[in-house]
Amino acid sequence: MFRNRIIRRTALTVGITAAALPLAVATPALAAGAGAHQAPTSVAAAHTATVGAVQRVDTFYNAYIDAVRSEDFTTADKLVAEYLSSRAQADVESWQEANHANGILHAQNVPDSATAVYEETAAGTVYLHVDLQWGSGTSTVEVRYSNVEGVITGISDPVS
């Protein structure tokens, strides 16, 4: 059941992204008219990379939540090894030791779900926040994702 839920969520995320991406790329050109200047392909590539980063972080968080909720810590550890840089993994471990809570979720409990939200991109790094949905509300963690390495390079508490 756990693996089916991950497969369904991943398929849904990929399907939504696949359906929305052509619209997101085509809509500005259509709105501007036939004689308008076309955006360079590098802009479309950057947009695609950003969408991919958001999708990858969202997939990681929801799969990780499912694994921890079902107490499948082997899968949770595999997800961390696959989606986080070695430096980020060390930072998560340090945070866990200092705070006595889960360093990915920045909490002692497990949320119901997560949603990755794009903030900005700079120098190959995509900055996102992940909204963790709980029965009683939402909390947020800040996430850095490297488009160069294709992994999460940092997780932190939001700066107030």
N, C-alpha and C. Protein backbone atom coordinates (compact mmCIF):
# COMPACT_ATOMS: atom_id res chain seq x y z
N MET A 1 0.82 -1.19 0.00
CA MET A 1 0.00 0.00 0.00
C MET A 1 0.87 1.26 0.00
N PHE A 2 1.96 1.26 0.79
CA PHE A 2 2.85 2.40 0.89
C PHE A 2 3.46 2.71 -0.47
N ARG A 3 3.97 1.70 -1.14
CA ARG A 3 4.60 1.91 -2.45
C ARG A 3 3.58 2.38 -3.48
N ASN A 4 2.37 1.85 -3.42
CA ASN A 4 1.33 2.29 -4.35
C ASN A 4 1.02 3.77 -4.16
N ARG A 5 1.00 4.23 -2.92
CA ARG A 5 0.71 5.63 -2.65
C ARG A 5 1.83 6.51 -3.21
N ILE A 6 3.08 6.09 -3.05
CA ILE A 6 4.20 6.84 -3.60
C ILE A 6 4.10 6.88 -5.12
N ILE A 7 3.80 5.75 -5.72
CA ILE A 7 3.69 5.68 -7.18
C ILE A 7 2.55 6.57 -7.65
N ARG A 8 1.40 6.54 -6.96
CA ARG A 8 0.27 7.38 -7.36
C ARG A 8 0.61 8.86 -7.22
N ARG A 9 1.24 9.25 -6.12
CA ARG A 9 1.60 10.65 -5.92
C ARG A 9 2.62 11.10 -6.97
N THR A 10 3.61 10.25 -7.24
CA THR A 10 4.61 10.61 -8.23
C THR A 10 3.97 10.73 -9.60
N ALA A 11 3.11 9.78 -9.95
CA ALA A 11 2.43 9.83 -11.26
C ALA A 11 1.56 11.07 -11.36
N LEU A 12 0.87 11.42 -10.29
CA LEU A 12 0.02 12.60 -10.30
C LEU A 12 0.87 13.86 -10.48
N THR A 13 1.96 13.96 -9.74
CA THR A 13 2.84 15.12 -9.84
C THR A 13 3.43 15.23 -11.24
N VAL A 14 3.89 14.12 -11.79
CA VAL A 14 4.45 14.13 -13.14
C VAL A 14 3.38 14.49 -14.15
N GLY A 15 2.19 13.96 -14.00
CA GLY A 15 1.10 14.26 -14.93
C GLY A 15 0.72 15.73 -14.91
N ILE A 16 0.62 16.29 -13.72
CA ILE A 16 0.26 17.71 -13.60
C ILE A 16 1.36 18.57 -14.21
N THR A 17 2.60 18.24 -13.91
CA THR A 17 3.71 19.01 -14.46
C THR A 17 3.76 18.89 -15.98
N ALA A 18 3.55 17.68 -16.48
CA ALA A 18 3.58 17.47 -17.93
C ALA A 18 2.46 18.24 -18.62
N ALA A 19 1.31 18.33 -17.98
CA ALA A 19 0.20 19.06 -18.57
C ALA A 19 0.39 20.57 -18.46
N ALA A 20 0.94 21.03 -17.36
CA ALA A 20 1.06 22.47 -17.13
C ALA A 20 2.27 23.09 -17.81
N LEU A 21 3.35 22.36 -17.96
CA LEU A 21 4.57 22.92 -18.51
C LEU A 21 4.40 23.48 -19.92
N PRO A 22 3.79 22.75 -20.87
CA PRO A 22 3.61 23.35 -22.20
C PRO A 22 2.76 24.61 -22.16
N LEU A 23 1.76 24.63 -21.29
CA LEU A 23 0.91 25.81 -21.16
C LEU A 23 1.70 26.98 -20.59
N ALA A 24 2.52 26.72 -19.60
CA ALA A 24 3.31 27.78 -18.99
C ALA A 24 4.31 28.37 -19.97
N VAL A 25 4.88 27.54 -20.82
CA VAL A 25 5.86 28.02 -21.80
C VAL A 25 5.15 28.70 -22.97
N ALA A 26 4.00 28.19 -23.40
CA ALA A 26 3.33 28.72 -24.58
C ALA A 26 2.48 29.95 -24.29
N THR A 27 1.91 30.07 -23.13
CA THR A 27 0.98 31.15 -22.83
C THR A 27 1.56 32.54 -23.05
N PRO A 28 2.79 32.87 -22.57
CA PRO A 28 3.31 34.21 -22.82
C PRO A 28 3.46 34.53 -24.31
N ALA A 29 3.89 33.57 -25.09
CA ALA A 29 4.06 33.79 -26.52
C ALA A 29 2.72 34.01 -27.20
N LEU A 30 1.71 33.25 -26.80
CA LEU A 30 0.38 33.40 -27.39
C LEU A 30 -0.24 34.74 -27.00
N ALA A 31 -0.06 35.14 -25.77
CA ALA A 31 -0.63 36.40 -25.30
C ALA A 31 0.03 37.60 -25.98
N ALA A 32 1.31 37.48 -26.31
CA ALA A 32 2.04 38.59 -26.91
C ALA A 32 1.72 38.77 -28.38
N GLY A 33 1.23 37.73 -29.03
CA GLY A 33 0.90 37.83 -30.46
C GLY A 33 2.01 37.26 -31.33
N ALA A 34 1.70 37.14 -32.61
CA ALA A 34 2.62 36.47 -33.53
C ALA A 34 3.90 37.25 -33.75
N GLY A 35 3.85 38.59 -33.71
CA GLY A 35 5.03 39.38 -34.02
C GLY A 35 5.93 39.63 -32.82
N ALA A 36 5.62 39.08 -31.67
CA ALA A 36 6.38 39.35 -30.45
C ALA A 36 7.70 38.61 -30.45
N HIS A 37 8.64 39.16 -29.70
CA HIS A 37 9.94 38.54 -29.53
C HIS A 37 9.79 37.25 -28.72
N GLN A 38 10.38 36.18 -29.18
CA GLN A 38 10.31 34.90 -28.48
C GLN A 38 11.41 34.84 -27.41
N ALA A 39 11.08 34.28 -26.25
CA ALA A 39 12.06 34.12 -25.19
C ALA A 39 13.11 33.12 -25.62
N PRO A 40 14.35 33.35 -25.25
CA PRO A 40 15.41 32.40 -25.60
C PRO A 40 15.12 31.03 -24.99
N THR A 41 15.65 30.00 -25.62
CA THR A 41 15.43 28.65 -25.11
C THR A 41 16.01 28.48 -23.72
N SER A 42 17.01 29.29 -23.35
CA SER A 42 17.58 29.18 -22.01
C SER A 42 16.55 29.54 -20.94
N VAL A 43 15.62 30.45 -21.27
CA VAL A 43 14.57 30.81 -20.32
C VAL A 43 13.65 29.61 -20.11
N ALA A 44 13.27 28.96 -21.21
CA ALA A 44 12.43 27.76 -21.10
C ALA A 44 13.15 26.67 -20.34
N ALA A 45 14.46 26.51 -20.58
CA ALA A 45 15.24 25.49 -19.87
C ALA A 45 15.31 25.80 -18.38
N ALA A 46 15.49 27.08 -18.04
CA ALA A 46 15.53 27.46 -16.63
C ALA A 46 14.19 27.20 -15.96
N HIS A 47 13.11 27.51 -16.67
CA HIS A 47 11.76 27.25 -16.13
C HIS A 47 11.56 25.75 -15.90
N THR A 48 11.98 24.95 -16.87
CA THR A 48 11.85 23.50 -16.75
C THR A 48 12.65 22.99 -15.55
N ALA A 49 13.87 23.52 -15.37
CA ALA A 49 14.70 23.10 -14.24
C ALA A 49 14.05 23.49 -12.92
N THR A 50 13.45 24.67 -12.87
CA THR A 50 12.78 25.12 -11.64
C THR A 50 11.58 24.24 -11.32
N VAL A 51 10.76 23.95 -12.33
CA VAL A 51 9.60 23.07 -12.14
C VAL A 51 10.09 21.70 -11.67
N GLY A 52 11.17 21.21 -12.28
CA GLY A 52 11.73 19.92 -11.88
C GLY A 52 12.20 19.91 -10.43
N ALA A 53 12.81 21.01 -9.99
CA ALA A 53 13.27 21.11 -8.61
C ALA A 53 12.10 21.09 -7.64
N VAL A 54 11.06 21.85 -7.95
CA VAL A 54 9.87 21.88 -7.08
C VAL A 54 9.25 20.49 -7.02
N GLN A 55 9.13 19.85 -8.17
CA GLN A 55 8.54 18.51 -8.22
C GLN A 55 9.38 17.51 -7.43
N ARG A 56 10.69 17.59 -7.58
CA ARG A 56 11.58 16.64 -6.89
C ARG A 56 11.51 16.82 -5.36
N VAL A 57 11.52 18.06 -4.91
CA VAL A 57 11.44 18.33 -3.47
C VAL A 57 10.08 17.88 -2.93
N ASP A 58 9.01 18.17 -3.67
CA ASP A 58 7.67 17.76 -3.26
C ASP A 58 7.58 16.23 -3.18
N THR A 59 8.11 15.56 -4.19
CA THR A 59 8.10 14.09 -4.20
C THR A 59 8.87 13.54 -3.02
N PHE A 60 10.05 14.11 -2.75
CA PHE A 60 10.86 13.65 -1.62
C PHE A 60 10.09 13.80 -0.32
N TYR A 61 9.57 14.98 -0.06
CA TYR A 61 8.92 15.22 1.23
C TYR A 61 7.71 14.30 1.44
N ASN A 62 6.89 14.14 0.43
CA ASN A 62 5.70 13.30 0.59
C ASN A 62 6.06 11.82 0.72
N ALA A 63 7.06 11.36 -0.01
CA ALA A 63 7.51 9.97 0.13
C ALA A 63 8.15 9.75 1.51
N TYR A 64 8.93 10.74 1.96
CA TYR A 64 9.56 10.65 3.27
C TYR A 64 8.49 10.62 4.37
N ILE A 65 7.49 11.47 4.27
CA ILE A 65 6.40 11.48 5.25
C ILE A 65 5.70 10.13 5.27
N ASP A 66 5.41 9.57 4.11
CA ASP A 66 4.76 8.25 4.04
C ASP A 66 5.62 7.18 4.70
N ALA A 67 6.92 7.22 4.44
CA ALA A 67 7.83 6.22 5.01
C ALA A 67 7.91 6.33 6.53
N VAL A 68 8.07 7.54 7.03
CA VAL A 68 8.17 7.73 8.49
C VAL A 68 6.85 7.39 9.17
N ARG A 69 5.74 7.82 8.55
CA ARG A 69 4.42 7.52 9.13
C ARG A 69 4.21 6.01 9.25
N SER A 70 4.66 5.26 8.25
CA SER A 70 4.47 3.80 8.29
C SER A 70 5.64 3.09 9.00
N GLU A 71 6.52 3.89 9.62
CA GLU A 71 7.68 3.38 10.36
C GLU A 71 8.60 2.53 9.49
N ASP A 72 8.69 2.87 8.21
CA ASP A 72 9.61 2.22 7.28
C ASP A 72 10.88 3.06 7.20
N PHE A 73 11.70 2.95 8.25
CA PHE A 73 12.87 3.81 8.37
C PHE A 73 13.97 3.44 7.38
N THR A 74 13.95 2.22 6.88
CA THR A 74 14.91 1.83 5.83
C THR A 74 14.64 2.65 4.57
N THR A 75 13.38 2.74 4.18
CA THR A 75 13.01 3.55 3.02
C THR A 75 13.28 5.02 3.28
N ALA A 76 12.96 5.50 4.48
CA ALA A 76 13.22 6.91 4.82
C ALA A 76 14.71 7.22 4.68
N ASP A 77 15.57 6.34 5.17
CA ASP A 77 17.01 6.55 5.06
C ASP A 77 17.47 6.51 3.60
N LYS A 78 16.90 5.63 2.80
CA LYS A 78 17.24 5.57 1.37
C LYS A 78 16.84 6.85 0.66
N LEU A 79 15.67 7.38 1.00
CA LEU A 79 15.21 8.63 0.41
C LEU A 79 16.16 9.78 0.76
N VAL A 80 16.57 9.85 2.02
CA VAL A 80 17.50 10.89 2.45
C VAL A 80 18.82 10.76 1.69
N ALA A 81 19.32 9.54 1.55
CA ALA A 81 20.58 9.32 0.83
C ALA A 81 20.47 9.71 -0.64
N GLU A 82 19.31 9.49 -1.24
CA GLU A 82 19.12 9.80 -2.66
C GLU A 82 18.86 11.28 -2.92
N TYR A 83 18.11 11.93 -2.06
CA TYR A 83 17.64 13.29 -2.34
C TYR A 83 18.46 14.40 -1.67
N LEU A 84 19.30 14.07 -0.68
CA LEU A 84 20.07 15.09 0.03
C LEU A 84 21.56 14.93 -0.25
N SER A 85 22.26 16.05 -0.39
CA SER A 85 23.71 16.01 -0.54
C SER A 85 24.31 15.48 0.77
N SER A 86 25.54 15.02 0.71
CA SER A 86 26.17 14.50 1.93
C SER A 86 26.31 15.59 2.99
N ARG A 87 26.58 16.81 2.55
CA ARG A 87 26.67 17.93 3.50
C ARG A 87 25.31 18.19 4.15
N ALA A 88 24.24 18.16 3.36
CA ALA A 88 22.89 18.37 3.91
C ALA A 88 22.53 17.25 4.89
N GLN A 89 22.93 16.02 4.58
CA GLN A 89 22.67 14.91 5.49
C GLN A 89 23.37 15.14 6.83
N ALA A 90 24.62 15.61 6.80
CA ALA A 90 25.35 15.89 8.03
C ALA A 90 24.68 17.03 8.81
N ASP A 91 24.21 18.06 8.10
CA ASP A 91 23.52 19.17 8.76
C ASP A 91 22.22 18.69 9.41
N VAL A 92 21.49 17.81 8.74
CA VAL A 92 20.24 17.25 9.29
C VAL A 92 20.55 16.49 10.58
N GLU A 93 21.59 15.67 10.55
CA GLU A 93 21.97 14.91 11.75
C GLU A 93 22.33 15.84 12.91
N SER A 94 23.09 16.90 12.62
CA SER A 94 23.45 17.87 13.65
C SER A 94 22.21 18.57 14.21
N TRP A 95 21.29 18.95 13.33
CA TRP A 95 20.07 19.61 13.77
C TRP A 95 19.27 18.68 14.67
N GLN A 96 19.19 17.39 14.28
CA GLN A 96 18.43 16.40 15.07
C GLN A 96 19.03 16.26 16.46
N GLU A 97 20.36 16.20 16.55
CA GLU A 97 21.01 16.06 17.85
C GLU A 97 20.76 17.28 18.74
N ALA A 98 20.82 18.46 18.14
CA ALA A 98 20.64 19.69 18.91
C ALA A 98 19.19 19.93 19.31
N ASN A 99 18.24 19.49 18.49
CA ASN A 99 16.83 19.80 18.71
C ASN A 99 15.97 18.63 19.15
N HIS A 100 16.53 17.42 19.15
CA HIS A 100 15.81 16.22 19.57
C HIS A 100 14.49 16.05 18.80
N ALA A 101 14.57 16.28 17.49
CA ALA A 101 13.41 16.14 16.61
C ALA A 101 13.90 15.73 15.23
N ASN A 102 12.98 15.41 14.34
CA ASN A 102 13.31 14.99 12.99
C ASN A 102 13.88 16.17 12.20
N GLY A 103 15.07 16.02 11.66
CA GLY A 103 15.76 17.10 10.96
C GLY A 103 15.24 17.39 9.57
N ILE A 104 14.47 16.49 9.00
CA ILE A 104 13.85 16.74 7.69
C ILE A 104 12.56 17.53 7.89
N LEU A 105 11.78 17.13 8.89
CA LEU A 105 10.48 17.73 9.13
C LEU A 105 10.53 18.88 10.14
N HIS A 106 11.66 18.99 10.86
CA HIS A 106 11.81 19.97 11.93
C HIS A 106 10.65 19.88 12.90
N ALA A 107 10.36 18.64 13.29
CA ALA A 107 9.24 18.38 14.21
C ALA A 107 9.44 17.02 14.87
N GLN A 108 8.74 16.80 15.96
CA GLN A 108 8.79 15.51 16.62
C GLN A 108 7.71 14.57 16.08
N ASN A 109 6.68 15.11 15.49
CA ASN A 109 5.60 14.31 14.93
C ASN A 109 5.72 14.27 13.41
N VAL A 110 4.79 13.57 12.78
CA VAL A 110 4.79 13.44 11.32
C VAL A 110 3.58 14.18 10.75
N PRO A 111 3.81 15.11 9.82
CA PRO A 111 2.67 15.83 9.23
C PRO A 111 1.85 14.93 8.32
N ASP A 112 0.69 15.42 7.91
CA ASP A 112 -0.17 14.67 7.00
C ASP A 112 0.37 14.68 5.58
N SER A 113 0.90 15.82 5.16
CA SER A 113 1.43 15.94 3.80
C SER A 113 2.32 17.17 3.72
N ALA A 114 2.89 17.40 2.53
CA ALA A 114 3.77 18.54 2.32
C ALA A 114 3.55 19.09 0.92
N THR A 115 3.83 20.39 0.77
CA THR A 115 3.75 21.04 -0.53
C THR A 115 4.97 21.92 -0.70
N ALA A 116 5.76 21.65 -1.74
CA ALA A 116 6.93 22.47 -2.04
C ALA A 116 6.49 23.68 -2.85
N VAL A 117 6.99 24.86 -2.47
CA VAL A 117 6.61 26.12 -3.11
C VAL A 117 7.87 26.87 -3.52
N TYR A 118 7.95 27.23 -4.79
CA TYR A 118 9.09 27.96 -5.34
C TYR A 118 9.17 29.36 -4.75
N GLU A 119 10.39 29.81 -4.43
CA GLU A 119 10.61 31.18 -3.98
C GLU A 119 11.47 31.95 -4.98
N GLU A 120 12.69 31.46 -5.27
CA GLU A 120 13.56 32.14 -6.22
C GLU A 120 14.69 31.21 -6.65
N THR A 121 15.39 31.63 -7.70
CA THR A 121 16.54 30.89 -8.20
C THR A 121 17.71 31.84 -8.29
N ALA A 122 18.88 31.37 -7.87
CA ALA A 122 20.09 32.18 -7.98
C ALA A 122 21.29 31.24 -8.10
N ALA A 123 22.08 31.47 -9.14
CA ALA A 123 23.35 30.74 -9.33
C ALA A 123 23.18 29.23 -9.25
N GLY A 124 22.18 28.70 -9.92
CA GLY A 124 21.99 27.26 -9.97
C GLY A 124 21.32 26.66 -8.75
N THR A 125 20.93 27.50 -7.80
CA THR A 125 20.25 27.03 -6.60
C THR A 125 18.81 27.51 -6.63
N VAL A 126 17.90 26.59 -6.38
CA VAL A 126 16.48 26.93 -6.28
C VAL A 126 16.14 27.00 -4.80
N TYR A 127 15.56 28.12 -4.40
CA TYR A 127 15.14 28.31 -3.02
C TYR A 127 13.63 28.07 -2.96
N LEU A 128 13.23 27.20 -2.03
CA LEU A 128 11.82 26.84 -1.88
C LEU A 128 11.48 26.87 -0.41
N HIS A 129 10.20 26.88 -0.14
CA HIS A 129 9.76 26.55 1.21
C HIS A 129 8.81 25.37 1.07
N VAL A 130 8.79 24.55 2.10
CA VAL A 130 7.92 23.39 2.11
C VAL A 130 6.92 23.60 3.23
N ASP A 131 5.65 23.65 2.84
CA ASP A 131 4.58 23.76 3.82
C ASP A 131 4.18 22.36 4.27
N LEU A 132 4.31 22.13 5.55
CA LEU A 132 3.95 20.84 6.14
C LEU A 132 2.55 20.98 6.74
N GLN A 133 1.62 20.17 6.23
CA GLN A 133 0.23 20.25 6.68
C GLN A 133 0.00 19.28 7.85
N TRP A 134 -0.51 19.84 8.91
CA TRP A 134 -0.83 19.09 10.11
C TRP A 134 -2.34 19.18 10.30
N GLY A 135 -2.88 18.32 11.12
CA GLY A 135 -4.31 18.39 11.41
C GLY A 135 -4.71 19.73 11.98
N SER A 136 -3.79 20.38 12.69
CA SER A 136 -4.12 21.63 13.36
C SER A 136 -3.57 22.87 12.66
N GLY A 137 -2.93 22.72 11.50
CA GLY A 137 -2.38 23.89 10.82
C GLY A 137 -1.21 23.53 9.93
N THR A 138 -0.36 24.53 9.69
CA THR A 138 0.75 24.37 8.78
C THR A 138 2.03 24.91 9.42
N SER A 139 3.14 24.24 9.17
CA SER A 139 4.45 24.78 9.53
C SER A 139 5.29 24.78 8.25
N THR A 140 6.42 25.47 8.29
CA THR A 140 7.23 25.64 7.09
C THR A 140 8.69 25.38 7.37
N VAL A 141 9.37 24.77 6.41
CA VAL A 141 10.83 24.67 6.42
C VAL A 141 11.33 25.28 5.11
N GLU A 142 12.52 25.88 5.18
CA GLU A 142 13.17 26.44 3.99
C GLU A 142 14.08 25.36 3.39
N VAL A 143 14.07 25.24 2.07
CA VAL A 143 14.86 24.21 1.40
C VAL A 143 15.67 24.84 0.27
N ARG A 144 16.94 24.45 0.17
CA ARG A 144 17.79 24.82 -0.96
C ARG A 144 18.01 23.59 -1.80
N TYR A 145 17.85 23.74 -3.12
CA TYR A 145 18.00 22.62 -4.05
C TYR A 145 19.00 23.03 -5.12
N SER A 146 19.99 22.20 -5.36
CA SER A 146 20.99 22.47 -6.38
C SER A 146 20.57 21.86 -7.71
N ASN A 147 20.33 22.72 -8.71
CA ASN A 147 20.05 22.21 -10.05
C ASN A 147 21.28 21.57 -10.67
N VAL A 148 22.46 21.96 -10.21
CA VAL A 148 23.70 21.41 -10.73
C VAL A 148 23.87 19.96 -10.26
N GLU A 149 23.68 19.74 -8.95
CA GLU A 149 23.84 18.41 -8.37
C GLU A 149 22.56 17.58 -8.42
N GLY A 150 21.41 18.24 -8.50
CA GLY A 150 20.13 17.54 -8.50
C GLY A 150 19.74 16.99 -7.14
N VAL A 151 20.18 17.68 -6.08
CA VAL A 151 19.86 17.24 -4.72
C VAL A 151 19.55 18.44 -3.83
N ILE A 152 18.91 18.14 -2.70
CA ILE A 152 18.66 19.15 -1.68
C ILE A 152 19.99 19.42 -0.98
N THR A 153 20.36 20.70 -0.86
CA THR A 153 21.64 21.04 -0.24
C THR A 153 21.47 21.70 1.12
N GLY A 154 20.23 21.96 1.53
CA GLY A 154 20.03 22.53 2.84
C GLY A 154 18.56 22.56 3.24
N ILE A 155 18.32 22.37 4.53
CA ILE A 155 16.98 22.48 5.12
C ILE A 155 17.14 23.31 6.38
N SER A 156 16.32 24.33 6.51
CA SER A 156 16.45 25.20 7.68
C SER A 156 15.09 25.74 8.11
N ASP A 157 15.08 26.32 9.31
CA ASP A 157 13.88 27.00 9.78
C ASP A 157 13.75 28.30 9.01
N PRO A 158 12.53 28.76 8.79
CA PRO A 158 12.34 30.04 8.09
C PRO A 158 12.97 31.18 8.87
N VAL A 159 13.51 32.16 8.13
CA VAL A 159 14.07 33.34 8.75
C VAL A 159 12.92 34.30 9.00
N SER A 160 12.81 34.77 10.23
CA SER A 160 11.70 35.68 10.55
C SER A 160 12.08 37.10 10.25
